[in-house]
């Protein structure tokens, strides 16, 4: 079989090179034969060249055009895979991206775009990887890889110190993933990133949403209440500060087996703050005559 295919490659190549002015239908057929034989024998660059030549001679309405385009895409994809096996991820990314440009409507186009980003990440080209994944998600919103793309983008944005964009992507994951643990972890990470980015409104919003949706595990929820309370304290919002201290105390009291040394400590600290308020109010009243009235 390999001998026959090699012979087809040789013969078809000779027809094209020796008789360039032959009838277009003969050159067209020779290009297809050469392309198919090259593809089968692993000569992917030759296959790509021949499929491109054949397509240039194929009418738009030709029923074979779609199959030829798919084969062209496959020949490029195989070159990318081979480059990746050689650990040449830069070349692999270029091949994958070239496939997207040359054959954008083929079945391999979306996968090639995603794999291009993966190769770019491998060589540390975070910015280019983000651009490719953003385009992938925009063009393929319902693709099976769309959700994992959001997670990858969140990681890439964080590498690029784009904390707000990373947090926003994690919120998308939390909203769309069916796995409870993935949703919970994504929301917590988003809140932490908003806090790092000093986006106070978003920090409060996401932590509040987290505690509503995930009261368990208790330690994470109580820690979230503590962060919310601290923000209100820093803003001198005494009413909400005290309200969230009370939430810490209540959550710890209801935690049962989920109580930890940390939840007990935070609850005790909150109790102390609220008790000091009452003590200070008591101490502010002077004990003067008439004693009976003041003692009340």
C-alpha atoms as a PDB file:
ATOM      1  CA  UNK A   1       0.000   0.000   0.000  1.00  0.00           C
ATOM      2  CA  UNK A   2       2.776   2.431   0.941  1.00  0.00           C
ATOM      3  CA  UNK A   3       4.578   1.659  -2.336  1.00  0.00           C
ATOM      4  CA  UNK A   4       1.391   2.371  -4.293  1.00  0.00           C
ATOM      5  CA  UNK A   5       0.839   5.627  -2.423  1.00  0.00           C
ATOM      6  CA  UNK A   6       4.446   6.693  -2.981  1.00  0.00           C
ATOM      7  CA  UNK A   7       4.004   5.959  -6.669  1.00  0.00           C
ATOM      8  CA  UNK A   8       0.858   8.082  -6.743  1.00  0.00           C
ATOM      9  CA  UNK A   9       2.731  10.934  -5.092  1.00  0.00           C
ATOM     10  CA  UNK A  10       5.547  10.678  -7.617  1.00  0.00           C
ATOM     11  CA  UNK A  11       3.288  10.357 -10.667  1.00  0.00           C
ATOM     12  CA  UNK A  12       0.890  13.103  -9.647  1.00  0.00           C
ATOM     13  CA  UNK A  13       3.771  15.386  -8.743  1.00  0.00           C
ATOM     14  CA  UNK A  14       5.329  14.822 -12.154  1.00  0.00           C
ATOM     15  CA  UNK A  15       2.059  15.640 -13.923  1.00  0.00           C
ATOM     16  CA  UNK A  16       1.819  18.935 -12.045  1.00  0.00           C
ATOM     17  CA  UNK A  17       5.477  19.946 -12.408  1.00  0.00           C
ATOM     18  CA  UNK A  18       6.117  18.714 -15.962  1.00  0.00           C
ATOM     19  CA  UNK A  19       2.773  19.642 -17.509  1.00  0.00           C
ATOM     20  CA  UNK A  20       1.664  22.904 -15.861  1.00  0.00           C
ATOM     21  CA  UNK A  21      -0.353  23.811 -18.958  1.00  0.00           C
ATOM     22  CA  UNK A  22      -2.257  20.523 -19.023  1.00  0.00           C
ATOM     23  CA  UNK A  23      -6.063  20.616 -18.994  1.00  0.00           C
ATOM     24  CA  UNK A  24      -7.303  22.129 -15.701  1.00  0.00           C
ATOM     25  CA  UNK A  25      -9.407  19.050 -14.919  1.00  0.00           C
ATOM     26  CA  UNK A  26      -6.282  16.834 -15.192  1.00  0.00           C
ATOM     27  CA  UNK A  27      -4.259  19.153 -12.940  1.00  0.00           C
ATOM     28  CA  UNK A  28      -7.167  19.292 -10.517  1.00  0.00           C
ATOM     29  CA  UNK A  29      -7.410  15.514 -10.320  1.00  0.00           C
ATOM     30  CA  UNK A  30      -3.639  15.155  -9.991  1.00  0.00           C
ATOM     31  CA  UNK A  31      -3.596  17.654  -7.116  1.00  0.00           C
ATOM     32  CA  UNK A  32      -6.300  15.704  -5.243  1.00  0.00           C
ATOM     33  CA  UNK A  33      -4.546  12.375  -5.785  1.00  0.00           C
ATOM     34  CA  UNK A  34      -1.226  13.884  -4.683  1.00  0.00           C
ATOM     35  CA  UNK A  35      -2.858  15.483  -1.623  1.00  0.00           C
ATOM     36  CA  UNK A  36      -4.635  12.281  -0.519  1.00  0.00           C
ATOM     37  CA  UNK A  37      -1.528  10.153  -1.005  1.00  0.00           C
ATOM     38  CA  UNK A  38       0.702  12.644   0.828  1.00  0.00           C
ATOM     39  CA  UNK A  39      -1.783  12.809   3.688  1.00  0.00           C
ATOM     40  CA  UNK A  40      -1.921   9.024   4.036  1.00  0.00           C
ATOM     41  CA  UNK A  41       1.865   8.738   4.066  1.00  0.00           C
ATOM     42  CA  UNK A  42       2.319  11.436   6.699  1.00  0.00           C
ATOM     43  CA  UNK A  43       3.697  14.091   4.344  1.00  0.00           C
ATOM     44  CA  UNK A  44       1.460  16.702   5.883  1.00  0.00           C
ATOM     45  CA  UNK A  45       3.135  19.836   4.505  1.00  0.00           C
ATOM     46  CA  UNK A  46       2.953  18.361   1.007  1.00  0.00           C
ATOM     47  CA  UNK A  47      -0.667  17.387   1.630  1.00  0.00           C
ATOM     48  CA  UNK A  48      -1.529  20.911   2.720  1.00  0.00           C
ATOM     49  CA  UNK A  49       0.081  22.423  -0.353  1.00  0.00           C
ATOM     50  CA  UNK A  50      -1.744  20.019  -2.663  1.00  0.00           C
ATOM     51  CA  UNK A  51      -5.141  20.427  -0.991  1.00  0.00           C
ATOM     52  CA  UNK A  52      -4.709  24.214  -1.237  1.00  0.00           C
ATOM     53  CA  UNK A  53      -3.911  23.879  -4.959  1.00  0.00           C
ATOM     54  CA  UNK A  54      -6.895  21.584  -5.500  1.00  0.00           C
ATOM     55  CA  UNK A  55      -9.242  23.941  -3.671  1.00  0.00           C
ATOM     56  CA  UNK A  56      -8.043  26.864  -5.778  1.00  0.00           C
ATOM     57  CA  UNK A  57      -9.285  24.909  -8.794  1.00  0.00           C
ATOM     58  CA  UNK A  58     -12.536  23.744  -7.153  1.00  0.00           C
ATOM     59  CA  UNK A  59     -15.747  25.658  -7.761  1.00  0.00           C
ATOM     60  CA  UNK A  60     -17.476  27.094  -4.712  1.00  0.00           C
ATOM     61  CA  UNK A  61     -20.593  25.029  -5.439  1.00  0.00           C
ATOM     62  CA  UNK A  62     -18.649  21.789  -5.984  1.00  0.00           C
ATOM     63  CA  UNK A  63     -19.974  19.050  -3.664  1.00  0.00           C
ATOM     64  CA  UNK A  64     -16.407  17.895  -2.948  1.00  0.00           C
ATOM     65  CA  UNK A  65     -15.208  21.284  -1.716  1.00  0.00           C
ATOM     66  CA  UNK A  66     -16.238  20.742   1.928  1.00  0.00           C
ATOM     67  CA  UNK A  67     -14.409  17.401   2.133  1.00  0.00           C
ATOM     68  CA  UNK A  68     -11.278  18.881   0.578  1.00  0.00           C
ATOM     69  CA  UNK A  69     -11.349  21.762   3.061  1.00  0.00           C
ATOM     70  CA  UNK A  70     -11.711  19.326   5.978  1.00  0.00           C
ATOM     71  CA  UNK A  71      -8.692  17.396   4.694  1.00  0.00           C
ATOM     72  CA  UNK A  72      -6.723  20.624   4.341  1.00  0.00           C
ATOM     73  CA  UNK A  73      -7.538  21.447   7.967  1.00  0.00           C
ATOM     74  CA  UNK A  74      -6.532  17.950   9.083  1.00  0.00           C
ATOM     75  CA  UNK A  75      -3.157  18.217   7.313  1.00  0.00           C
ATOM     76  CA  UNK A  76      -2.407  21.470   9.147  1.00  0.00           C
ATOM     77  CA  UNK A  77      -3.637  20.054  12.460  1.00  0.00           C
ATOM     78  CA  UNK A  78      -1.283  17.087  12.104  1.00  0.00           C
ATOM     79  CA  UNK A  79       1.647  19.455  11.513  1.00  0.00           C
ATOM     80  CA  UNK A  80       0.735  21.265  14.731  1.00  0.00           C
ATOM     81  CA  UNK A  81       0.539  17.988  16.647  1.00  0.00           C
ATOM     82  CA  UNK A  82       3.911  16.916  15.302  1.00  0.00           C
ATOM     83  CA  UNK A  83       5.463  20.246  16.351  1.00  0.00           C
ATOM     84  CA  UNK A  84       4.021  19.812  19.820  1.00  0.00           C
ATOM     85  CA  UNK A  85       5.487  16.317  20.095  1.00  0.00           C
ATOM     86  CA  UNK A  86       8.865  17.897  19.372  1.00  0.00           C
ATOM     87  CA  UNK A  87       8.159  20.383  22.191  1.00  0.00           C
ATOM     88  CA  UNK A  88       8.168  23.186  19.642  1.00  0.00           C
ATOM     89  CA  UNK A  89       5.092  24.835  21.092  1.00  0.00           C
ATOM     90  CA  UNK A  90       5.693  28.111  19.292  1.00  0.00           C
ATOM     91  CA  UNK A  91       5.476  26.364  15.911  1.00  0.00           C
ATOM     92  CA  UNK A  92       2.507  24.321  17.118  1.00  0.00           C
ATOM     93  CA  UNK A  93       0.622  27.494  18.047  1.00  0.00           C
ATOM     94  CA  UNK A  94       1.368  29.018  14.644  1.00  0.00           C
ATOM     95  CA  UNK A  95       0.041  25.931  12.833  1.00  0.00           C
ATOM     96  CA  UNK A  96      -3.119  25.831  14.958  1.00  0.00           C
ATOM     97  CA  UNK A  97      -3.754  29.538  14.373  1.00  0.00           C
ATOM     98  CA  UNK A  98      -3.053  29.159  10.656  1.00  0.00           C
ATOM     99  CA  UNK A  99      -5.716  26.442  10.477  1.00  0.00           C
ATOM    100  CA  UNK A 100      -8.231  28.878  11.966  1.00  0.00           C
ATOM    101  CA  UNK A 101      -7.376  31.402   9.267  1.00  0.00           C
ATOM    102  CA  UNK A 102      -7.217  28.970   6.330  1.00  0.00           C
ATOM    103  CA  UNK A 103     -10.219  26.777   7.183  1.00  0.00           C
ATOM    104  CA  UNK A 104     -12.381  28.672   9.698  1.00  0.00           C
ATOM    105  CA  UNK A 105     -15.589  26.714   9.005  1.00  0.00           C
ATOM    106  CA  UNK A 106     -14.163  23.212   9.437  1.00  0.00           C
ATOM    107  CA  UNK A 107     -14.873  20.849  12.335  1.00  0.00           C
ATOM    108  CA  UNK A 108     -11.283  21.222  13.588  1.00  0.00           C
ATOM    109  CA  UNK A 109     -11.278  25.023  13.630  1.00  0.00           C
ATOM    110  CA  UNK A 110     -12.538  25.559  17.200  1.00  0.00           C
ATOM    111  CA  UNK A 111     -10.307  22.844  18.661  1.00  0.00           C
ATOM    112  CA  UNK A 112      -7.315  24.286  16.832  1.00  0.00           C
ATOM    113  CA  UNK A 113      -7.967  27.717  18.342  1.00  0.00           C
ATOM    114  CA  UNK A 114      -8.200  26.250  21.845  1.00  0.00           C
ATOM    115  CA  UNK A 115      -5.030  24.175  21.342  1.00  0.00           C
ATOM    116  CA  UNK A 116      -3.197  27.240  20.038  1.00  0.00           C
ATOM    117  CA  UNK A 117      -3.914  28.998  23.318  1.00  0.00           C
ATOM    118  CA  UNK A 118      -2.720  25.941  25.227  1.00  0.00           C
ATOM    119  CA  UNK A 119       0.593  25.976  23.359  1.00  0.00           C
ATOM    120  CA  UNK A 120       0.983  29.719  23.962  1.00  0.00           C
ATOM    121  CA  UNK A 121       0.433  29.188  27.683  1.00  0.00           C
ATOM    122  CA  UNK A 122       3.104  26.484  27.675  1.00  0.00           C
ATOM    123  CA  UNK A 123       5.702  28.945  26.390  1.00  0.00           C
ATOM    124  CA  UNK A 124       4.498  31.723  28.708  1.00  0.00           C
ATOM    125  CA  UNK A 125       2.887  33.955  26.101  1.00  0.00           C
ATOM    126  CA  UNK A 126      -0.007  34.812  28.410  1.00  0.00           C
ATOM    127  CA  UNK A 127      -1.242  37.907  26.603  1.00  0.00           C
ATOM    128  CA  UNK A 128      -1.500  36.201  23.197  1.00  0.00           C
ATOM    129  CA  UNK A 129      -3.141  33.175  24.817  1.00  0.00           C
ATOM    130  CA  UNK A 130      -5.786  35.437  26.386  1.00  0.00           C
ATOM    131  CA  UNK A 131      -6.538  37.093  23.036  1.00  0.00           C
ATOM    132  CA  UNK A 132      -6.962  33.692  21.363  1.00  0.00           C
ATOM    133  CA  UNK A 133      -9.219  32.321  24.128  1.00  0.00           C
ATOM    134  CA  UNK A 134     -11.337  35.474  24.191  1.00  0.00           C
ATOM    135  CA  UNK A 135     -11.907  35.105  20.459  1.00  0.00           C
ATOM    136  CA  UNK A 136     -12.614  31.379  20.885  1.00  0.00           C
ATOM    137  CA  UNK A 137     -15.259  32.034  23.540  1.00  0.00           C
ATOM    138  CA  UNK A 138     -16.823  34.854  21.539  1.00  0.00           C
ATOM    139  CA  UNK A 139     -17.164  32.699  18.441  1.00  0.00           C
ATOM    140  CA  UNK A 140     -18.082  29.456  20.236  1.00  0.00           C
ATOM    141  CA  UNK A 141     -20.264  30.419  23.233  1.00  0.00           C
ATOM    142  CA  UNK A 142     -21.949  26.994  23.395  1.00  0.00           C
ATOM    143  CA  UNK A 143     -18.860  24.879  22.719  1.00  0.00           C
ATOM    144  CA  UNK A 144     -18.141  22.108  25.222  1.00  0.00           C
ATOM    145  CA  UNK A 145     -14.848  23.858  26.024  1.00  0.00           C
ATOM    146  CA  UNK A 146     -16.438  27.266  26.647  1.00  0.00           C
ATOM    147  CA  UNK A 147     -16.707  26.797  30.411  1.00  0.00           C
ATOM    148  CA  UNK A 148     -13.184  25.491  30.917  1.00  0.00           C
ATOM    149  CA  UNK A 149     -12.055  28.402  28.745  1.00  0.00           C
ATOM    150  CA  UNK A 150     -13.430  30.790  31.380  1.00  0.00           C
ATOM    151  CA  UNK A 151     -11.334  29.053  34.022  1.00  0.00           C
ATOM    152  CA  UNK A 152      -8.252  29.200  31.818  1.00  0.00           C
ATOM    153  CA  UNK A 153      -8.839  32.886  31.118  1.00  0.00           C
ATOM    154  CA  UNK A 154      -9.166  33.558  34.848  1.00  0.00           C
ATOM    155  CA  UNK A 155      -5.745  31.960  35.384  1.00  0.00           C
ATOM    156  CA  UNK A 156      -4.188  33.847  32.478  1.00  0.00           C
ATOM    157  CA  UNK A 157      -5.614  37.194  33.597  1.00  0.00           C
ATOM    158  CA  UNK A 158      -4.197  36.628  37.055  1.00  0.00           C
ATOM    159  CA  UNK A 159      -0.780  35.893  35.552  1.00  0.00           C
ATOM    160  CA  UNK A 160      -1.104  39.194  33.691  1.00  0.00           C
ATOM    161  CA  UNK A 161      -2.083  40.974  36.956  1.00  0.00           C
ATOM    162  CA  UNK A 162      -5.518  41.711  35.502  1.00  0.00           C
ATOM    163  CA  UNK A 163      -7.254  40.868  38.769  1.00  0.00           C
ATOM    164  CA  UNK A 164     -10.647  42.376  37.990  1.00  0.00           C
ATOM    165  CA  UNK A 165     -10.924  40.488  34.708  1.00  0.00           C
ATOM    166  CA  UNK A 166      -9.813  37.279  36.402  1.00  0.00           C
ATOM    167  CA  UNK A 167     -12.448  37.699  39.112  1.00  0.00           C
ATOM    168  CA  UNK A 168     -15.165  38.383  36.540  1.00  0.00           C
ATOM    169  CA  UNK A 169     -14.325  35.163  34.688  1.00  0.00           C
ATOM    170  CA  UNK A 170     -14.441  33.198  37.944  1.00  0.00           C
ATOM    171  CA  UNK A 171     -17.888  34.632  38.595  1.00  0.00           C
ATOM    172  CA  UNK A 172     -18.969  33.258  35.212  1.00  0.00           C
ATOM    173  CA  UNK A 173     -17.654  29.832  36.180  1.00  0.00           C
ATOM    174  CA  UNK A 174     -19.504  30.016  39.495  1.00  0.00           C
ATOM    175  CA  UNK A 175     -22.718  30.951  37.716  1.00  0.00           C
ATOM    176  CA  UNK A 176     -22.565  28.295  34.992  1.00  0.00           C
ATOM    177  CA  UNK A 177     -20.805  25.223  36.396  1.00  0.00           C
ATOM    178  CA  UNK A 178     -22.976  22.385  37.667  1.00  0.00           C
ATOM    179  CA  UNK A 179     -20.370  21.107  40.119  1.00  0.00           C
ATOM    180  CA  UNK A 180     -21.057  22.574  43.558  1.00  0.00           C
ATOM    181  CA  UNK A 181     -17.414  22.488  44.640  1.00  0.00           C
ATOM    182  CA  UNK A 182     -16.233  24.213  41.467  1.00  0.00           C
ATOM    183  CA  UNK A 183     -18.898  26.901  41.903  1.00  0.00           C
ATOM    184  CA  UNK A 184     -18.031  27.402  45.573  1.00  0.00           C
ATOM    185  CA  UNK A 185     -14.272  27.594  44.996  1.00  0.00           C
ATOM    186  CA  UNK A 186     -14.698  29.893  42.000  1.00  0.00           C
ATOM    187  CA  UNK A 187     -16.864  32.337  43.949  1.00  0.00           C
ATOM    188  CA  UNK A 188     -14.424  32.408  46.873  1.00  0.00           C
ATOM    189  CA  UNK A 189     -11.492  33.013  44.518  1.00  0.00           C
ATOM    190  CA  UNK A 190     -13.423  35.787  42.756  1.00  0.00           C
ATOM    191  CA  UNK A 191     -14.119  37.513  46.082  1.00  0.00           C
ATOM    192  CA  UNK A 192     -10.465  37.223  47.113  1.00  0.00           C
ATOM    193  CA  UNK A 193      -9.321  38.716  43.807  1.00  0.00           C
ATOM    194  CA  UNK A 194     -11.748  41.620  44.094  1.00  0.00           C
ATOM    195  CA  UNK A 195     -10.348  42.215  47.569  1.00  0.00           C
ATOM    196  CA  UNK A 196      -6.770  42.159  46.240  1.00  0.00           C
ATOM    197  CA  UNK A 197      -7.790  44.587  43.502  1.00  0.00           C
ATOM    198  CA  UNK A 198      -9.317  46.837  46.201  1.00  0.00           C
ATOM    199  CA  UNK A 199     -12.704  46.771  44.503  1.00  0.00           C
ATOM    200  CA  UNK A 200     -14.683  47.126  47.721  1.00  0.00           C
ATOM    201  CA  UNK A 201     -18.189  47.083  46.229  1.00  0.00           C
ATOM    202  CA  UNK A 202     -17.489  43.872  44.300  1.00  0.00           C
ATOM    203  CA  UNK A 203     -15.801  42.320  47.325  1.00  0.00           C
ATOM    204  CA  UNK A 204     -18.870  42.943  49.493  1.00  0.00           C
ATOM    205  CA  UNK A 205     -21.246  41.798  46.757  1.00  0.00           C
ATOM    206  CA  UNK A 206     -19.522  38.478  46.085  1.00  0.00           C
ATOM    207  CA  UNK A 207     -18.817  37.622  49.724  1.00  0.00           C
ATOM    208  CA  UNK A 208     -22.450  38.325  50.616  1.00  0.00           C
ATOM    209  CA  UNK A 209     -23.602  36.185  47.696  1.00  0.00           C
ATOM    210  CA  UNK A 210     -21.192  33.445  48.758  1.00  0.00           C
ATOM    211  CA  UNK A 211     -22.519  33.318  52.324  1.00  0.00           C
ATOM    212  CA  UNK A 212     -26.095  33.153  51.021  1.00  0.00           C
ATOM    213  CA  UNK A 213     -25.384  30.270  48.664  1.00  0.00           C
ATOM    214  CA  UNK A 214     -22.794  28.382  50.713  1.00  0.00           C
ATOM    215  CA  UNK A 215     -23.376  28.544  54.482  1.00  0.00           C
ATOM    216  CA  UNK A 216     -21.353  25.320  54.672  1.00  0.00           C
ATOM    217  CA  UNK A 217     -18.494  24.702  55.308  1.00  0.00           C
ATOM    218  CA  UNK A 218     -19.068  26.960  58.287  1.00  0.00           C
ATOM    219  CA  UNK A 219     -15.467  28.119  58.598  1.00  0.00           C
ATOM    220  CA  UNK A 220     -15.402  29.612  55.087  1.00  0.00           C
ATOM    221  CA  UNK A 221     -18.780  31.283  55.583  1.00  0.00           C
ATOM    222  CA  UNK A 222     -17.788  32.721  58.964  1.00  0.00           C
ATOM    223  CA  UNK A 223     -14.463  33.927  57.567  1.00  0.00           C
ATOM    224  CA  UNK A 224     -16.439  35.651  54.807  1.00  0.00           C
ATOM    225  CA  UNK A 225     -18.681  37.318  57.418  1.00  0.00           C
ATOM    226  CA  UNK A 226     -15.518  38.506  59.171  1.00  0.00           C
ATOM    227  CA  UNK A 227     -14.177  40.110  55.984  1.00  0.00           C
ATOM    228  CA  UNK A 228     -17.521  41.809  55.327  1.00  0.00           C
ATOM    229  CA  UNK A 229     -17.620  43.090  58.922  1.00  0.00           C
ATOM    230  CA  UNK A 230     -14.076  44.454  58.634  1.00  0.00           C
ATOM    231  CA  UNK A 231     -14.976  46.369  55.476  1.00  0.00           C
ATOM    232  CA  UNK A 232     -17.994  47.950  57.169  1.00  0.00           C
ATOM    233  CA  UNK A 233     -15.839  48.837  60.174  1.00  0.00           C
ATOM    234  CA  UNK A 234     -13.259  50.518  57.935  1.00  0.00           C
ATOM    235  CA  UNK A 235     -16.075  52.545  56.355  1.00  0.00           C
ATOM    236  CA  UNK A 236     -17.368  53.492  59.804  1.00  0.00           C
ATOM    237  CA  UNK A 237     -20.677  51.805  59.000  1.00  0.00           C
ATOM    238  CA  UNK A 238     -21.312  50.797  62.612  1.00  0.00           C
ATOM    239  CA  UNK A 239     -24.780  49.383  62.061  1.00  0.00           C
ATOM    240  CA  UNK A 240     -23.701  46.863  59.388  1.00  0.00           C
ATOM    241  CA  UNK A 241     -20.470  46.144  61.240  1.00  0.00           C
ATOM    242  CA  UNK A 242     -22.384  45.066  64.335  1.00  0.00           C
ATOM    243  CA  UNK A 243     -24.926  43.186  62.206  1.00  0.00           C
ATOM    244  CA  UNK A 244     -22.210  41.014  60.661  1.00  0.00           C
ATOM    245  CA  UNK A 245     -20.529  40.419  64.011  1.00  0.00           C
ATOM    246  CA  UNK A 246     -23.862  38.995  65.133  1.00  0.00           C
ATOM    247  CA  UNK A 247     -23.965  36.807  62.002  1.00  0.00           C
ATOM    248  CA  UNK A 248     -20.562  35.387  62.981  1.00  0.00           C
ATOM    249  CA  UNK A 249     -21.834  34.535  66.462  1.00  0.00           C
ATOM    250  CA  UNK A 250     -25.045  32.950  65.114  1.00  0.00           C
ATOM    251  CA  UNK A 251     -23.271  30.957  62.382  1.00  0.00           C
ATOM    252  CA  UNK A 252     -20.779  29.529  64.870  1.00  0.00           C
ATOM    253  CA  UNK A 253     -23.579  28.597  67.288  1.00  0.00           C
ATOM    254  CA  UNK A 254     -25.378  26.680  64.507  1.00  0.00           C
ATOM    255  CA  UNK A 255     -22.246  25.092  62.994  1.00  0.00           C
ATOM    256  CA  UNK A 256     -22.399  21.871  65.002  1.00  0.00           C
ATOM    257  CA  UNK A 257     -19.688  19.452  63.879  1.00  0.00           C
ATOM    258  CA  UNK A 258     -18.328  22.106  61.501  1.00  0.00           C
ATOM    259  CA  UNK A 259     -17.191  24.306  64.396  1.00  0.00           C
ATOM    260  CA  UNK A 260     -13.423  24.747  64.488  1.00  0.00           C
ATOM    261  CA  UNK A 261     -10.937  26.589  66.670  1.00  0.00           C
ATOM    262  CA  UNK A 262     -11.042  29.370  64.099  1.00  0.00           C
ATOM    263  CA  UNK A 263     -14.858  29.732  64.143  1.00  0.00           C
ATOM    264  CA  UNK A 264     -14.882  29.710  67.953  1.00  0.00           C
ATOM    265  CA  UNK A 265     -12.188  32.384  68.035  1.00  0.00           C
ATOM    266  CA  UNK A 266     -14.020  34.644  65.572  1.00  0.00           C
ATOM    267  CA  UNK A 267     -17.297  34.191  67.453  1.00  0.00           C
ATOM    268  CA  UNK A 268     -15.612  34.960  70.786  1.00  0.00           C
ATOM    269  CA  UNK A 269     -13.918  38.025  69.328  1.00  0.00           C
ATOM    270  CA  UNK A 270     -17.247  39.252  67.955  1.00  0.00           C
ATOM    271  CA  UNK A 271     -18.934  38.686  71.306  1.00  0.00           C
ATOM    272  CA  UNK A 272     -16.213  40.681  73.010  1.00  0.00           C
ATOM    273  CA  UNK A 273     -16.643  43.636  70.655  1.00  0.00           C
ATOM    274  CA  UNK A 274     -20.415  43.697  71.161  1.00  0.00           C
ATOM    275  CA  UNK A 275     -20.025  43.265  74.949  1.00  0.00           C
ATOM    276  CA  UNK A 276     -17.577  46.174  75.105  1.00  0.00           C
ATOM    277  CA  UNK A 277     -20.203  48.385  73.502  1.00  0.00           C
ATOM    278  CA  UNK A 278     -22.677  47.571  76.281  1.00  0.00           C
ATOM    279  CA  UNK A 279     -20.012  47.998  78.963  1.00  0.00           C
ATOM    280  CA  UNK A 280     -19.057  51.401  77.579  1.00  0.00           C
ATOM    281  CA  UNK A 281     -22.674  52.459  77.506  1.00  0.00           C
ATOM    282  CA  UNK A 282     -23.027  51.354  81.138  1.00  0.00           C
ATOM    283  CA  UNK A 283     -19.823  53.100  82.200  1.00  0.00           C
ATOM    284  CA  UNK A 284     -20.940  56.319  80.562  1.00  0.00           C
ATOM    285  CA  UNK A 285     -23.743  56.713  83.084  1.00  0.00           C
ATOM    286  CA  UNK A 286     -22.564  58.558  86.208  1.00  0.00           C
ATOM    287  CA  UNK A 287     -23.840  57.306  89.550  1.00  0.00           C
ATOM    288  CA  UNK A 288     -25.122  60.486  91.204  1.00  0.00           C
ATOM    289  CA  UNK A 289     -28.004  61.453  93.378  1.00  0.00           C
ATOM    290  CA  UNK A 290     -30.787  60.526  93.356  1.00  0.00           C
ATOM    291  CA  UNK A 291     -29.274  56.993  93.439  1.00  0.00           C
ATOM    292  CA  UNK A 292     -32.559  55.183  92.994  1.00  0.00           C
ATOM    293  CA  UNK A 293     -33.250  56.910  89.695  1.00  0.00           C
ATOM    294  CA  UNK A 294     -29.677  56.576  88.402  1.00  0.00           C
ATOM    295  CA  UNK A 295     -29.421  52.859  89.303  1.00  0.00           C
ATOM    296  CA  UNK A 296     -32.288  52.185  86.943  1.00  0.00           C
END
